[in-house]
Amino acid sequence: MVLGTRSTYEQNLQWFAEDSAALLTAVSGHPAAGKAAALVSFGYNCGFSNLKKALVNVAEILDPVHCTDKHGNVLAGLKSRRQLEYLLCGL
């Protein structure tokens, strides 16, 4: 997409579905909806490779690198989000 162009709601839904398909497949073996949702959220925001690490060791979610901005500063909102995702994985 070119900077300054617009997308439709339907295009956005399609792109989201495409972006999240691999994440949903990766967590399909987790019967707890809260855990699966937390893992997909984490994977969508931190990347598929980090999701794969979290599937092996859920504590990966709490790695400080997932709570920082591009300058390495820990952001309170991201830290809270990662903690919530981690707690939901304990369900």
C-alpha atoms as a PDB file:
ATOM      1  CA  MET A   1       0.000   0.000   0.000  1.00  0.00           C
ATOM      2  CA  VAL A   2       1.295   3.454  -0.876  1.00  0.00           C
ATOM      3  CA  LEU A   3       1.551   6.115   1.815  1.00  0.00           C
ATOM      4  CA  GLY A   4      -1.491   8.398   1.650  1.00  0.00           C
ATOM      5  CA  THR A   5      -3.811   5.864   0.021  1.00  0.00           C
ATOM      6  CA  ARG A   6      -6.898   4.607   1.777  1.00  0.00           C
ATOM      7  CA  SER A   7      -8.221   1.144   2.349  1.00  0.00           C
ATOM      8  CA  THR A   8     -11.747  -0.074   2.822  1.00  0.00           C
ATOM      9  CA  TYR A   9     -13.084  -1.843   5.880  1.00  0.00           C
ATOM     10  CA  GLU A  10     -13.368  -5.027   3.821  1.00  0.00           C
ATOM     11  CA  GLN A  11      -9.722  -4.760   2.710  1.00  0.00           C
ATOM     12  CA  ASN A  12      -8.649  -4.320   6.304  1.00  0.00           C
ATOM     13  CA  LEU A  13     -10.603  -7.395   7.367  1.00  0.00           C
ATOM     14  CA  GLN A  14      -9.011  -9.398   4.559  1.00  0.00           C
ATOM     15  CA  TRP A  15      -5.499  -8.269   5.498  1.00  0.00           C
ATOM     16  CA  PHE A  16      -6.133  -9.061   9.153  1.00  0.00           C
ATOM     17  CA  ALA A  17      -7.399 -12.532   8.231  1.00  0.00           C
ATOM     18  CA  GLU A  18      -4.310 -13.147   6.105  1.00  0.00           C
ATOM     19  CA  ASP A  19      -1.950 -11.874   8.808  1.00  0.00           C
ATOM     20  CA  SER A  20      -3.559 -13.875  11.595  1.00  0.00           C
ATOM     21  CA  ALA A  21      -4.135 -17.188   9.748  1.00  0.00           C
ATOM     22  CA  ALA A  22      -0.729 -18.661  10.628  1.00  0.00           C
ATOM     23  CA  LEU A  23      -1.085 -17.491  14.237  1.00  0.00           C
ATOM     24  CA  LEU A  24      -4.498 -19.125  14.598  1.00  0.00           C
ATOM     25  CA  THR A  25      -3.166 -22.355  13.113  1.00  0.00           C
ATOM     26  CA  ALA A  26      -0.201 -22.329  15.503  1.00  0.00           C
ATOM     27  CA  VAL A  27      -2.442 -22.112  18.597  1.00  0.00           C
ATOM     28  CA  SER A  28      -5.206 -24.405  17.349  1.00  0.00           C
ATOM     29  CA  GLY A  29      -4.097 -27.155  19.754  1.00  0.00           C
ATOM     30  CA  HIS A  30      -4.928 -25.066  22.823  1.00  0.00           C
ATOM     31  CA  PRO A  31      -8.504 -25.738  23.935  1.00  0.00           C
ATOM     32  CA  ALA A  32      -8.679 -22.794  26.362  1.00  0.00           C
ATOM     33  CA  ALA A  33     -10.030 -19.818  24.413  1.00  0.00           C
ATOM     34  CA  GLY A  34      -8.379 -17.288  26.743  1.00  0.00           C
ATOM     35  CA  LYS A  35      -4.967 -18.890  26.309  1.00  0.00           C
ATOM     36  CA  ALA A  36      -5.320 -19.118  22.541  1.00  0.00           C
ATOM     37  CA  ALA A  37      -6.463 -15.493  22.323  1.00  0.00           C
ATOM     38  CA  ALA A  38      -3.549 -14.307  24.470  1.00  0.00           C
ATOM     39  CA  LEU A  39      -1.065 -16.236  22.353  1.00  0.00           C
ATOM     40  CA  VAL A  40      -2.501 -14.882  19.100  1.00  0.00           C
ATOM     41  CA  SER A  41      -2.391 -11.350  20.491  1.00  0.00           C
ATOM     42  CA  PHE A  42       1.225 -11.835  21.512  1.00  0.00           C
ATOM     43  CA  GLY A  43       2.144 -13.349  18.156  1.00  0.00           C
ATOM     44  CA  TYR A  44       0.381 -10.631  16.191  1.00  0.00           C
ATOM     45  CA  ASN A  45       2.229  -7.908  18.082  1.00  0.00           C
ATOM     46  CA  CYS A  46       5.625  -9.570  18.590  1.00  0.00           C
ATOM     47  CA  GLY A  47       5.896 -11.795  15.522  1.00  0.00           C
ATOM     48  CA  PHE A  48       5.418 -15.419  14.576  1.00  0.00           C
ATOM     49  CA  SER A  49       8.945 -16.458  15.590  1.00  0.00           C
ATOM     50  CA  ASN A  50       8.350 -15.108  19.111  1.00  0.00           C
ATOM     51  CA  LEU A  51       5.000 -16.901  19.238  1.00  0.00           C
ATOM     52  CA  LYS A  52       6.776 -20.175  18.438  1.00  0.00           C
ATOM     53  CA  LYS A  53       9.154 -19.516  21.356  1.00  0.00           C
ATOM     54  CA  ALA A  54       6.195 -18.776  23.652  1.00  0.00           C
ATOM     55  CA  LEU A  55       4.495 -22.020  22.643  1.00  0.00           C
ATOM     56  CA  VAL A  56       7.556 -23.874  23.941  1.00  0.00           C
ATOM     57  CA  ASN A  57       8.018 -21.675  27.022  1.00  0.00           C
ATOM     58  CA  VAL A  58       5.184 -19.300  27.903  1.00  0.00           C
ATOM     59  CA  ALA A  59       7.570 -17.236  30.057  1.00  0.00           C
ATOM     60  CA  GLU A  60       8.972 -15.910  26.754  1.00  0.00           C
ATOM     61  CA  ILE A  61       6.035 -13.488  26.821  1.00  0.00           C
ATOM     62  CA  LEU A  62       7.592 -11.752  29.830  1.00  0.00           C
ATOM     63  CA  ASP A  63      10.971 -11.198  28.152  1.00  0.00           C
ATOM     64  CA  PRO A  64      11.666  -7.476  28.649  1.00  0.00           C
ATOM     65  CA  VAL A  65      12.448  -7.038  24.952  1.00  0.00           C
ATOM     66  CA  HIS A  66       8.722  -7.450  24.250  1.00  0.00           C
ATOM     67  CA  CYS A  67       7.923  -4.468  26.483  1.00  0.00           C
ATOM     68  CA  THR A  68      10.254  -1.871  25.011  1.00  0.00           C
ATOM     69  CA  ASP A  69      10.206   0.822  22.372  1.00  0.00           C
ATOM     70  CA  LYS A  70      12.790   1.076  19.594  1.00  0.00           C
ATOM     71  CA  HIS A  71      15.177   2.832  21.990  1.00  0.00           C
ATOM     72  CA  GLY A  72      15.037   0.054  24.598  1.00  0.00           C
ATOM     73  CA  ASN A  73      12.830   1.934  27.058  1.00  0.00           C
ATOM     74  CA  VAL A  74      10.354  -0.276  28.925  1.00  0.00           C
ATOM     75  CA  LEU A  75       6.833   0.986  28.278  1.00  0.00           C
ATOM     76  CA  ALA A  76       4.420   0.511  31.175  1.00  0.00           C
ATOM     77  CA  GLY A  77       1.477  -0.183  28.875  1.00  0.00           C
ATOM     78  CA  LEU A  78       3.325  -2.908  26.960  1.00  0.00           C
ATOM     79  CA  LYS A  79       4.607  -4.421  30.189  1.00  0.00           C
ATOM     80  CA  SER A  80       1.026  -4.598  31.517  1.00  0.00           C
ATOM     81  CA  ARG A  81      -0.186  -6.109  28.249  1.00  0.00           C
ATOM     82  CA  ARG A  82       2.514  -8.815  28.290  1.00  0.00           C
ATOM     83  CA  GLN A  83       1.718  -9.605  31.942  1.00  0.00           C
ATOM     84  CA  LEU A  84      -1.970  -9.963  31.119  1.00  0.00           C
ATOM     85  CA  GLU A  85      -1.207 -12.227  28.139  1.00  0.00           C
ATOM     86  CA  TYR A  86       1.034 -14.328  30.393  1.00  0.00           C
ATOM     87  CA  LEU A  87      -1.674 -14.601  33.061  1.00  0.00           C
ATOM     88  CA  LEU A  88      -4.268 -15.596  30.472  1.00  0.00           C
ATOM     89  CA  CYS A  89      -1.951 -18.391  29.335  1.00  0.00           C
ATOM     90  CA  GLY A  90      -2.190 -19.884  32.820  1.00  0.00           C
ATOM     91  CA  LEU A  91      -5.904 -20.584  32.348  1.00  0.00           C
END
